[in-house]
Amino acid sequence: MTSFPQLETNRLRLRSIESSDAVKLYDYFSNKEVTRYYGMNSFKTLEEAESLINTFQIGYQSNKLIRWGIELKETNELIGTCGFHAVSKKYKRAEIGYEISHLHWHKGYASEAIKAVLAFGFKEMELIRIGAVVMLENSPSRSVLLRLGFKEEGRLRNYIIQDHMPCDVIMHSLLEEEWKKSSFS
């Protein structure tokens, strides 16, 4: 296995998520505003953050997912994560997911990180399709995806569980040929 790929943007460093990040992950995954549309309940214990980090590491080692920690270059502060899950090498597709600490919303960090991850997915992983599922009520995230060229494909009913309730999502996708024509490829 090759070493974990590090990505950089103007303001961000995308790097592997380590056990030393558990407290920071817990800080924002325990915030209901951050997890409200995430498809999982807010963390109640630090052990849940440690378990998530372990899941990310095992997923990477088994080629099932890749999740980067989003770190501010200026301060080395971890402010979120972004990456691919549901990776299918055979069909050259994956789904993207991301979250940013509520303290860093509305600063363009999600878009900046997603652009770098999309480039990695299409160039290095040779994906031809990247999907994203977003809860209907999460209009900020849907807007980010649409600005980045994703297309809405349709509603998936009762697709995820949030706070013990089934929720509908909108499936979005971006195809490699669409990404190549975009201004950020």
N, C-alpha and C. Protein backbone atom coordinates (compact mmCIF):
# COMPACT_ATOMS: atom_id res chain seq x y z
N MET A 1 0.84 -1.19 0.00
CA MET A 1 0.00 0.00 0.00
C MET A 1 0.88 1.24 0.00
N THR A 2 0.49 2.19 -0.80
CA THR A 2 1.24 3.44 -0.86
C THR A 2 0.87 4.30 0.35
N SER A 3 1.67 5.30 0.62
CA SER A 3 1.38 6.18 1.75
C SER A 3 0.14 7.01 1.45
N PHE A 4 -0.49 7.47 2.50
CA PHE A 4 -1.72 8.25 2.38
C PHE A 4 -1.42 9.53 1.61
N PRO A 5 -2.20 9.82 0.57
CA PRO A 5 -1.93 11.02 -0.24
C PRO A 5 -2.33 12.31 0.49
N GLN A 6 -1.43 13.25 0.49
CA GLN A 6 -1.73 14.56 1.06
C GLN A 6 -2.05 15.51 -0.08
N LEU A 7 -3.09 16.32 0.10
CA LEU A 7 -3.51 17.29 -0.91
C LEU A 7 -3.38 18.69 -0.31
N GLU A 8 -3.13 19.67 -1.17
CA GLU A 8 -3.04 21.05 -0.69
C GLU A 8 -3.83 21.98 -1.60
N THR A 9 -4.40 22.99 -0.98
CA THR A 9 -5.07 24.07 -1.70
C THR A 9 -4.42 25.37 -1.22
N ASN A 10 -4.97 26.49 -1.61
CA ASN A 10 -4.42 27.77 -1.15
C ASN A 10 -4.41 27.89 0.37
N ARG A 11 -5.52 27.49 1.00
CA ARG A 11 -5.65 27.69 2.45
C ARG A 11 -5.63 26.41 3.27
N LEU A 12 -5.74 25.26 2.58
CA LEU A 12 -5.97 24.01 3.30
C LEU A 12 -4.92 22.96 3.00
N ARG A 13 -4.73 22.09 3.98
CA ARG A 13 -3.94 20.87 3.81
C ARG A 13 -4.91 19.72 4.09
N LEU A 14 -5.02 18.80 3.17
CA LEU A 14 -5.85 17.62 3.37
C LEU A 14 -4.91 16.46 3.64
N ARG A 15 -5.05 15.84 4.79
CA ARG A 15 -4.09 14.84 5.26
C ARG A 15 -4.81 13.70 5.96
N SER A 16 -4.05 12.66 6.30
CA SER A 16 -4.66 11.51 6.98
C SER A 16 -5.19 11.95 8.34
N ILE A 17 -6.21 11.26 8.78
CA ILE A 17 -6.81 11.53 10.08
C ILE A 17 -6.18 10.55 11.07
N GLU A 18 -5.60 11.09 12.14
CA GLU A 18 -4.84 10.28 13.10
C GLU A 18 -5.56 10.23 14.44
N SER A 19 -5.14 9.30 15.28
CA SER A 19 -5.77 9.15 16.60
C SER A 19 -5.64 10.44 17.42
N SER A 20 -4.61 11.23 17.16
CA SER A 20 -4.43 12.50 17.87
C SER A 20 -5.51 13.53 17.50
N ASP A 21 -6.31 13.25 16.47
CA ASP A 21 -7.39 14.15 16.05
C ASP A 21 -8.71 13.87 16.78
N ALA A 22 -8.74 12.88 17.65
CA ALA A 22 -9.99 12.45 18.27
C ALA A 22 -10.71 13.57 19.01
N VAL A 23 -9.99 14.35 19.78
CA VAL A 23 -10.63 15.42 20.56
C VAL A 23 -11.27 16.44 19.63
N LYS A 24 -10.55 16.83 18.59
CA LYS A 24 -11.08 17.83 17.65
C LYS A 24 -12.31 17.28 16.92
N LEU A 25 -12.24 16.01 16.46
CA LEU A 25 -13.41 15.41 15.81
C LEU A 25 -14.58 15.36 16.77
N TYR A 26 -14.31 14.97 18.00
CA TYR A 26 -15.39 14.93 18.99
C TYR A 26 -16.02 16.31 19.18
N ASP A 27 -15.19 17.35 19.21
CA ASP A 27 -15.69 18.71 19.42
C ASP A 27 -16.79 19.06 18.43
N TYR A 28 -16.59 18.75 17.15
CA TYR A 28 -17.64 19.16 16.22
C TYR A 28 -18.64 18.05 15.91
N PHE A 29 -18.28 16.79 16.03
CA PHE A 29 -19.28 15.73 15.83
C PHE A 29 -20.23 15.59 17.02
N SER A 30 -19.93 16.25 18.12
CA SER A 30 -20.85 16.26 19.25
C SER A 30 -21.82 17.44 19.17
N ASN A 31 -21.65 18.27 18.17
CA ASN A 31 -22.50 19.45 17.97
C ASN A 31 -23.66 19.09 17.04
N LYS A 32 -24.87 19.22 17.52
CA LYS A 32 -26.05 18.84 16.73
C LYS A 32 -26.19 19.63 15.43
N GLU A 33 -25.67 20.85 15.40
CA GLU A 33 -25.73 21.63 14.16
C GLU A 33 -24.88 20.98 13.07
N VAL A 34 -23.76 20.39 13.44
CA VAL A 34 -22.88 19.75 12.47
C VAL A 34 -23.47 18.41 12.00
N THR A 35 -24.02 17.63 12.93
CA THR A 35 -24.50 16.28 12.59
C THR A 35 -25.97 16.26 12.15
N ARG A 36 -26.64 17.37 12.19
CA ARG A 36 -28.08 17.42 11.89
C ARG A 36 -28.42 16.76 10.56
N TYR A 37 -27.58 16.90 9.54
CA TYR A 37 -27.85 16.33 8.23
C TYR A 37 -26.83 15.27 7.83
N TYR A 38 -26.12 14.73 8.80
CA TYR A 38 -24.99 13.85 8.51
C TYR A 38 -25.36 12.39 8.33
N GLY A 39 -26.49 11.99 8.88
CA GLY A 39 -26.87 10.57 8.80
C GLY A 39 -26.30 9.77 9.96
N MET A 40 -25.97 10.45 11.03
CA MET A 40 -25.56 9.77 12.26
C MET A 40 -25.88 10.68 13.43
N ASN A 41 -26.00 10.08 14.61
CA ASN A 41 -26.30 10.85 15.81
C ASN A 41 -25.05 11.57 16.29
N SER A 42 -25.26 12.66 17.01
CA SER A 42 -24.14 13.40 17.59
C SER A 42 -23.39 12.50 18.57
N PHE A 43 -22.08 12.70 18.63
CA PHE A 43 -21.26 11.92 19.54
C PHE A 43 -21.58 12.29 20.99
N LYS A 44 -21.55 11.28 21.83
CA LYS A 44 -21.73 11.48 23.27
C LYS A 44 -20.42 11.23 24.02
N THR A 45 -19.49 10.49 23.39
CA THR A 45 -18.24 10.14 24.05
C THR A 45 -17.06 10.31 23.11
N LEU A 46 -15.89 10.50 23.68
CA LEU A 46 -14.66 10.60 22.91
C LEU A 46 -14.38 9.28 22.19
N GLU A 47 -14.80 8.18 22.77
CA GLU A 47 -14.58 6.86 22.16
C GLU A 47 -15.27 6.76 20.79
N GLU A 48 -16.38 7.47 20.60
CA GLU A 48 -17.05 7.45 19.30
C GLU A 48 -16.17 8.11 18.24
N ALA A 49 -15.49 9.17 18.61
CA ALA A 49 -14.56 9.82 17.67
C ALA A 49 -13.39 8.90 17.37
N GLU A 50 -12.87 8.23 18.37
CA GLU A 50 -11.77 7.28 18.17
C GLU A 50 -12.20 6.14 17.26
N SER A 51 -13.43 5.68 17.42
CA SER A 51 -13.96 4.60 16.58
C SER A 51 -14.11 5.06 15.13
N LEU A 52 -14.55 6.30 14.94
CA LEU A 52 -14.69 6.84 13.58
C LEU A 52 -13.32 6.93 12.90
N ILE A 53 -12.33 7.38 13.63
CA ILE A 53 -10.98 7.45 13.07
C ILE A 53 -10.51 6.05 12.67
N ASN A 54 -10.76 5.08 13.51
CA ASN A 54 -10.40 3.69 13.21
C ASN A 54 -11.13 3.21 11.95
N THR A 55 -12.40 3.55 11.82
CA THR A 55 -13.17 3.19 10.63
C THR A 55 -12.55 3.80 9.38
N PHE A 56 -12.16 5.07 9.46
CA PHE A 56 -11.51 5.73 8.32
C PHE A 56 -10.20 5.02 7.95
N GLN A 57 -9.41 4.66 8.95
CA GLN A 57 -8.12 4.02 8.69
C GLN A 57 -8.29 2.62 8.10
N ILE A 58 -9.20 1.83 8.66
CA ILE A 58 -9.44 0.49 8.13
C ILE A 58 -10.03 0.56 6.73
N GLY A 59 -10.94 1.50 6.51
CA GLY A 59 -11.54 1.68 5.19
C GLY A 59 -10.50 2.01 4.14
N TYR A 60 -9.53 2.86 4.50
CA TYR A 60 -8.46 3.20 3.57
C TYR A 60 -7.59 1.99 3.27
N GLN A 61 -7.21 1.26 4.31
CA GLN A 61 -6.35 0.09 4.14
C GLN A 61 -7.01 -0.98 3.27
N SER A 62 -8.34 -1.06 3.33
CA SER A 62 -9.06 -2.07 2.54
C SER A 62 -9.58 -1.53 1.21
N ASN A 63 -9.18 -0.31 0.85
CA ASN A 63 -9.59 0.32 -0.42
C ASN A 63 -11.10 0.52 -0.54
N LYS A 64 -11.79 0.69 0.58
CA LYS A 64 -13.24 0.91 0.56
C LYS A 64 -13.60 2.38 0.70
N LEU A 65 -12.68 3.16 1.26
CA LEU A 65 -12.93 4.59 1.41
C LEU A 65 -11.61 5.31 1.58
N ILE A 66 -11.66 6.60 1.38
CA ILE A 66 -10.52 7.47 1.69
C ILE A 66 -11.10 8.78 2.24
N ARG A 67 -10.66 9.13 3.44
CA ARG A 67 -11.18 10.32 4.11
C ARG A 67 -10.00 11.16 4.58
N TRP A 68 -9.98 12.39 4.14
CA TRP A 68 -8.94 13.34 4.53
C TRP A 68 -9.41 14.21 5.68
N GLY A 69 -8.48 14.56 6.55
CA GLY A 69 -8.73 15.61 7.52
C GLY A 69 -8.47 16.93 6.84
N ILE A 70 -9.34 17.90 7.06
CA ILE A 70 -9.18 19.23 6.47
C ILE A 70 -8.53 20.12 7.52
N GLU A 71 -7.33 20.58 7.23
CA GLU A 71 -6.54 21.34 8.18
C GLU A 71 -6.23 22.72 7.61
N LEU A 72 -6.40 23.74 8.41
CA LEU A 72 -6.02 25.09 7.99
C LEU A 72 -4.50 25.18 7.96
N LYS A 73 -3.94 25.59 6.83
CA LYS A 73 -2.48 25.73 6.72
C LYS A 73 -1.94 26.74 7.72
N GLU A 74 -2.68 27.83 7.89
CA GLU A 74 -2.21 28.94 8.71
C GLU A 74 -2.03 28.55 10.18
N THR A 75 -2.94 27.67 10.69
CA THR A 75 -2.93 27.35 12.13
C THR A 75 -2.73 25.86 12.43
N ASN A 76 -2.75 25.02 11.40
CA ASN A 76 -2.70 23.56 11.56
C ASN A 76 -3.90 23.00 12.32
N GLU A 77 -5.00 23.76 12.34
CA GLU A 77 -6.20 23.32 13.04
C GLU A 77 -7.04 22.42 12.13
N LEU A 78 -7.46 21.27 12.66
CA LEU A 78 -8.38 20.39 11.94
C LEU A 78 -9.77 20.99 12.01
N ILE A 79 -10.39 21.24 10.84
CA ILE A 79 -11.71 21.88 10.83
C ILE A 79 -12.79 21.02 10.20
N GLY A 80 -12.44 19.83 9.71
CA GLY A 80 -13.43 18.97 9.10
C GLY A 80 -12.79 17.79 8.42
N THR A 81 -13.62 17.04 7.69
CA THR A 81 -13.12 15.93 6.90
C THR A 81 -13.84 15.92 5.55
N CYS A 82 -13.23 15.25 4.59
CA CYS A 82 -13.80 15.16 3.26
C CYS A 82 -13.22 13.92 2.60
N GLY A 83 -14.04 13.21 1.84
CA GLY A 83 -13.49 12.05 1.14
C GLY A 83 -14.53 11.20 0.48
N PHE A 84 -14.07 10.04 0.04
CA PHE A 84 -14.91 9.11 -0.71
C PHE A 84 -15.25 7.88 0.11
N HIS A 85 -16.48 7.42 -0.03
CA HIS A 85 -16.92 6.14 0.50
C HIS A 85 -17.68 5.44 -0.63
N ALA A 86 -18.14 4.24 -0.37
CA ALA A 86 -18.83 3.45 -1.41
C ALA A 86 -18.00 3.41 -2.70
N VAL A 87 -16.70 3.23 -2.55
CA VAL A 87 -15.80 3.20 -3.69
C VAL A 87 -15.98 1.88 -4.44
N SER A 88 -16.18 1.98 -5.74
CA SER A 88 -16.27 0.80 -6.61
C SER A 88 -15.24 0.95 -7.71
N LYS A 89 -14.13 0.23 -7.56
CA LYS A 89 -13.10 0.27 -8.60
C LYS A 89 -13.64 -0.31 -9.90
N LYS A 90 -14.43 -1.38 -9.80
CA LYS A 90 -14.96 -2.03 -10.99
C LYS A 90 -15.79 -1.06 -11.84
N TYR A 91 -16.65 -0.29 -11.18
CA TYR A 91 -17.53 0.62 -11.90
C TYR A 91 -17.00 2.05 -11.94
N LYS A 92 -15.80 2.26 -11.37
CA LYS A 92 -15.13 3.56 -11.41
C LYS A 92 -16.00 4.68 -10.85
N ARG A 93 -16.57 4.41 -9.68
CA ARG A 93 -17.43 5.42 -9.04
C ARG A 93 -17.21 5.42 -7.54
N ALA A 94 -17.63 6.50 -6.92
CA ALA A 94 -17.58 6.65 -5.47
C ALA A 94 -18.58 7.72 -5.07
N GLU A 95 -18.86 7.79 -3.78
CA GLU A 95 -19.68 8.88 -3.24
C GLU A 95 -18.78 9.75 -2.38
N ILE A 96 -19.02 11.04 -2.44
CA ILE A 96 -18.24 11.99 -1.65
C ILE A 96 -19.05 12.42 -0.44
N GLY A 97 -18.35 12.66 0.65
CA GLY A 97 -18.96 13.18 1.86
C GLY A 97 -18.01 14.18 2.50
N TYR A 98 -18.56 15.05 3.33
CA TYR A 98 -17.74 16.11 3.94
C TYR A 98 -18.51 16.74 5.08
N GLU A 99 -17.78 17.34 5.98
CA GLU A 99 -18.37 18.18 7.01
C GLU A 99 -17.30 19.16 7.47
N ILE A 100 -17.77 20.31 7.93
CA ILE A 100 -16.89 21.37 8.43
C ILE A 100 -17.41 21.78 9.81
N SER A 101 -16.50 22.02 10.73
CA SER A 101 -16.88 22.52 12.04
C SER A 101 -17.73 23.77 11.89
N HIS A 102 -18.77 23.89 12.71
CA HIS A 102 -19.67 25.04 12.62
C HIS A 102 -18.92 26.36 12.83
N LEU A 103 -17.77 26.33 13.48
CA LEU A 103 -16.99 27.55 13.70
C LEU A 103 -16.37 28.06 12.40
N HIS A 104 -16.40 27.24 11.36
CA HIS A 104 -15.74 27.61 10.10
C HIS A 104 -16.69 27.58 8.90
N TRP A 105 -17.98 27.64 9.17
CA TRP A 105 -18.96 27.68 8.08
C TRP A 105 -18.89 29.03 7.36
N HIS A 106 -19.35 29.03 6.11
CA HIS A 106 -19.51 30.24 5.29
C HIS A 106 -18.18 30.93 4.97
N LYS A 107 -17.11 30.16 4.89
CA LYS A 107 -15.80 30.72 4.54
C LYS A 107 -15.24 30.08 3.27
N GLY A 108 -16.03 29.21 2.64
CA GLY A 108 -15.59 28.58 1.39
C GLY A 108 -14.68 27.38 1.56
N TYR A 109 -14.47 26.93 2.79
CA TYR A 109 -13.56 25.81 3.01
C TYR A 109 -14.08 24.51 2.42
N ALA A 110 -15.39 24.26 2.53
CA ALA A 110 -15.94 23.01 1.98
C ALA A 110 -15.71 22.95 0.48
N SER A 111 -16.03 24.02 -0.23
CA SER A 111 -15.83 24.04 -1.69
C SER A 111 -14.37 23.84 -2.04
N GLU A 112 -13.49 24.49 -1.31
CA GLU A 112 -12.06 24.40 -1.59
C GLU A 112 -11.56 22.96 -1.40
N ALA A 113 -11.99 22.33 -0.33
CA ALA A 113 -11.59 20.94 -0.06
C ALA A 113 -12.20 19.98 -1.09
N ILE A 114 -13.46 20.17 -1.39
CA ILE A 114 -14.14 19.28 -2.34
C ILE A 114 -13.47 19.36 -3.71
N LYS A 115 -13.10 20.55 -4.16
CA LYS A 115 -12.43 20.68 -5.46
C LYS A 115 -11.16 19.83 -5.50
N ALA A 116 -10.37 19.87 -4.44
CA ALA A 116 -9.13 19.09 -4.40
C ALA A 116 -9.42 17.59 -4.40
N VAL A 117 -10.43 17.19 -3.67
CA VAL A 117 -10.79 15.78 -3.59
C VAL A 117 -11.36 15.29 -4.92
N LEU A 118 -12.17 16.12 -5.58
CA LEU A 118 -12.69 15.75 -6.90
C LEU A 118 -11.54 15.53 -7.89
N ALA A 119 -10.57 16.44 -7.89
CA ALA A 119 -9.43 16.30 -8.79
C ALA A 119 -8.69 15.00 -8.52
N PHE A 120 -8.50 14.66 -7.26
CA PHE A 120 -7.84 13.41 -6.92
C PHE A 120 -8.66 12.21 -7.42
N GLY A 121 -9.96 12.28 -7.20
CA GLY A 121 -10.83 11.18 -7.61
C GLY A 121 -10.83 10.95 -9.11
N PHE A 122 -10.93 12.01 -9.87
CA PHE A 122 -10.98 11.85 -11.33
C PHE A 122 -9.61 11.56 -11.92
N LYS A 123 -8.56 12.18 -11.40
CA LYS A 123 -7.22 11.99 -11.98
C LYS A 123 -6.52 10.75 -11.43
N GLU A 124 -6.42 10.63 -10.11
CA GLU A 124 -5.61 9.57 -9.51
C GLU A 124 -6.39 8.26 -9.35
N MET A 125 -7.65 8.35 -8.98
CA MET A 125 -8.45 7.14 -8.80
C MET A 125 -9.12 6.69 -10.10
N GLU A 126 -9.05 7.55 -11.11
CA GLU A 126 -9.64 7.29 -12.42
C GLU A 126 -11.14 7.01 -12.36
N LEU A 127 -11.83 7.76 -11.48
CA LEU A 127 -13.28 7.64 -11.38
C LEU A 127 -13.93 8.28 -12.61
N ILE A 128 -15.09 7.78 -12.97
CA ILE A 128 -15.86 8.41 -14.04
C ILE A 128 -17.15 9.03 -13.52
N ARG A 129 -17.48 8.72 -12.24
CA ARG A 129 -18.69 9.25 -11.63
C ARG A 129 -18.44 9.43 -10.14
N ILE A 130 -18.83 10.60 -9.63
CA ILE A 130 -18.80 10.85 -8.20
C ILE A 130 -20.20 11.28 -7.79
N GLY A 131 -20.77 10.54 -6.86
CA GLY A 131 -22.10 10.84 -6.37
C GLY A 131 -22.04 11.51 -5.01
N ALA A 132 -23.16 12.08 -4.61
CA ALA A 132 -23.30 12.68 -3.28
C ALA A 132 -24.78 12.63 -2.90
N VAL A 133 -25.05 12.15 -1.70
CA VAL A 133 -26.43 12.17 -1.22
C VAL A 133 -26.53 13.23 -0.13
N VAL A 134 -27.58 14.04 -0.23
CA VAL A 134 -27.76 15.16 0.69
C VAL A 134 -29.22 15.19 1.13
N MET A 135 -29.42 15.33 2.44
CA MET A 135 -30.79 15.43 2.95
C MET A 135 -31.48 16.64 2.33
N LEU A 136 -32.77 16.49 2.06
CA LEU A 136 -33.53 17.55 1.39
C LEU A 136 -33.41 18.90 2.09
N GLU A 137 -33.39 18.88 3.41
CA GLU A 137 -33.37 20.13 4.17
C GLU A 137 -32.01 20.81 4.19
N ASN A 138 -30.98 20.12 3.73
CA ASN A 138 -29.62 20.67 3.80
C ASN A 138 -29.32 21.51 2.55
N SER A 139 -30.01 22.62 2.43
CA SER A 139 -29.85 23.46 1.25
C SER A 139 -28.44 24.05 1.11
N PRO A 140 -27.73 24.39 2.20
CA PRO A 140 -26.35 24.89 2.00
C PRO A 140 -25.45 23.87 1.30
N SER A 141 -25.53 22.62 1.70
CA SER A 141 -24.70 21.59 1.08
C SER A 141 -25.12 21.34 -0.36
N ARG A 142 -26.41 21.32 -0.60
CA ARG A 142 -26.89 21.14 -1.97
C ARG A 142 -26.40 22.28 -2.85
N SER A 143 -26.40 23.50 -2.34
CA SER A 143 -25.92 24.65 -3.10
C SER A 143 -24.44 24.52 -3.44
N VAL A 144 -23.63 24.05 -2.47
CA VAL A 144 -22.20 23.85 -2.72
C VAL A 144 -22.02 22.88 -3.88
N LEU A 145 -22.72 21.76 -3.84
CA LEU A 145 -22.57 20.75 -4.89
C LEU A 145 -23.00 21.30 -6.25
N LEU A 146 -24.11 22.00 -6.30
CA LEU A 146 -24.59 22.54 -7.57
C LEU A 146 -23.60 23.56 -8.14
N ARG A 147 -23.00 24.40 -7.27
CA ARG A 147 -22.00 25.36 -7.73
C ARG A 147 -20.77 24.66 -8.30
N LEU A 148 -20.48 23.46 -7.79
CA LEU A 148 -19.32 22.70 -8.26
C LEU A 148 -19.63 21.83 -9.48
N GLY A 149 -20.86 21.95 -10.01
CA GLY A 149 -21.20 21.25 -11.24
C GLY A 149 -21.97 19.96 -11.08
N PHE A 150 -22.26 19.57 -9.85
CA PHE A 150 -23.07 18.37 -9.65
C PHE A 150 -24.49 18.60 -10.17
N LYS A 151 -25.10 17.53 -10.64
CA LYS A 151 -26.48 17.57 -11.10
C LYS A 151 -27.36 16.79 -10.13
N GLU A 152 -28.56 17.29 -9.89
CA GLU A 152 -29.52 16.54 -9.07
C GLU A 152 -30.10 15.43 -9.92
N GLU A 153 -30.11 14.22 -9.37
CA GLU A 153 -30.63 13.07 -10.11
C GLU A 153 -32.00 12.63 -9.63
N GLY A 154 -32.28 12.85 -8.37
CA GLY A 154 -33.59 12.45 -7.88
C GLY A 154 -33.58 12.16 -6.39
N ARG A 155 -34.76 11.90 -5.91
CA ARG A 155 -35.01 11.68 -4.50
C ARG A 155 -34.91 10.19 -4.19
N LEU A 156 -34.19 9.87 -3.12
CA LEU A 156 -34.13 8.51 -2.60
C LEU A 156 -34.89 8.50 -1.28
N ARG A 157 -35.97 7.77 -1.25
CA ARG A 157 -36.87 7.79 -0.09
C ARG A 157 -36.33 6.91 1.04
N ASN A 158 -36.43 7.44 2.27
CA ASN A 158 -35.99 6.74 3.48
C ASN A 158 -34.60 6.13 3.32
N TYR A 159 -33.69 6.90 2.76
CA TYR A 159 -32.37 6.41 2.40
C TYR A 159 -31.39 6.36 3.58
N ILE A 160 -31.53 7.32 4.51
CA ILE A 160 -30.65 7.32 5.68
C ILE A 160 -31.49 7.49 6.94
N ILE A 161 -30.87 7.19 8.06
CA ILE A 161 -31.51 7.36 9.36
C ILE A 161 -30.80 8.48 10.10
N GLN A 162 -31.56 9.44 10.57
CA GLN A 162 -31.01 10.54 11.36
C GLN A 162 -31.85 10.67 12.62
N ASP A 163 -31.21 10.61 13.76
CA ASP A 163 -31.92 10.68 15.04
C ASP A 163 -33.07 9.68 15.09
N HIS A 164 -32.80 8.48 14.64
CA HIS A 164 -33.73 7.34 14.67
C HIS A 164 -34.93 7.50 13.73
N MET A 165 -34.84 8.44 12.82
CA MET A 165 -35.93 8.67 11.87
C MET A 165 -35.42 8.49 10.44
N PRO A 166 -36.19 7.76 9.59
CA PRO A 166 -35.78 7.64 8.19
C PRO A 166 -35.94 8.98 7.48
N CYS A 167 -34.97 9.28 6.60
CA CYS A 167 -34.97 10.57 5.90
C CYS A 167 -34.75 10.36 4.42
N ASP A 168 -35.40 11.19 3.63
CA ASP A 168 -35.18 11.22 2.19
C ASP A 168 -33.93 12.04 1.90
N VAL A 169 -33.27 11.71 0.79
CA VAL A 169 -32.11 12.47 0.33
C VAL A 169 -32.27 12.74 -1.16
N ILE A 170 -31.49 13.68 -1.64
CA ILE A 170 -31.38 13.94 -3.07
C ILE A 170 -30.03 13.39 -3.53
N MET A 171 -30.06 12.55 -4.56
CA MET A 171 -28.82 12.04 -5.14
C MET A 171 -28.32 13.06 -6.14
N HIS A 172 -27.04 13.39 -6.04
CA HIS A 172 -26.35 14.28 -6.96
C HIS A 172 -25.22 13.49 -7.60
N SER A 173 -24.80 13.91 -8.78
CA SER A 173 -23.62 13.28 -9.38
C SER A 173 -22.87 14.28 -10.24
N LEU A 174 -21.58 13.99 -10.39
CA LEU A 174 -20.72 14.73 -11.28
C LEU A 174 -19.95 13.69 -12.09
N LEU A 175 -20.02 13.81 -13.40
CA LEU A 175 -19.32 12.88 -14.27
C LEU A 175 -17.97 13.46 -14.67
N GLU A 176 -17.05 12.58 -14.97
CA GLU A 176 -15.70 13.01 -15.32
C GLU A 176 -15.72 14.01 -16.48
N GLU A 177 -16.50 13.74 -17.53
CA GLU A 177 -16.50 14.66 -18.67
C GLU A 177 -17.07 16.02 -18.31
N GLU A 178 -18.01 16.07 -17.35
CA GLU A 178 -18.54 17.36 -16.88
C GLU A 178 -17.47 18.11 -16.09
N TRP A 179 -16.76 17.37 -15.24
CA TRP A 179 -15.70 17.97 -14.44
C TRP A 179 -14.59 18.54 -15.32
N LYS A 180 -14.22 17.80 -16.37
CA LYS A 180 -13.16 18.27 -17.27
C LYS A 180 -13.54 19.58 -17.97
N LYS A 181 -14.82 19.79 -18.21
CA LYS A 181 -15.29 21.01 -18.87
C LYS A 181 -15.44 22.17 -17.90
N SER A 182 -15.37 21.89 -16.60
CA SER A 182 -15.60 22.93 -15.60
C SER A 182 -14.38 23.84 -15.46
N SER A 183 -14.58 24.94 -14.80
CA SER A 183 -13.50 25.91 -14.64
C SER A 183 -12.53 25.52 -13.53
N PHE A 184 -12.86 24.52 -12.74
CA PHE A 184 -11.98 24.14 -11.63
C PHE A 184 -11.32 22.78 -11.82
N SER A 185 -11.37 22.21 -13.03
CA SER A 185 -10.71 20.91 -13.25
C SER A 185 -9.21 21.06 -13.36
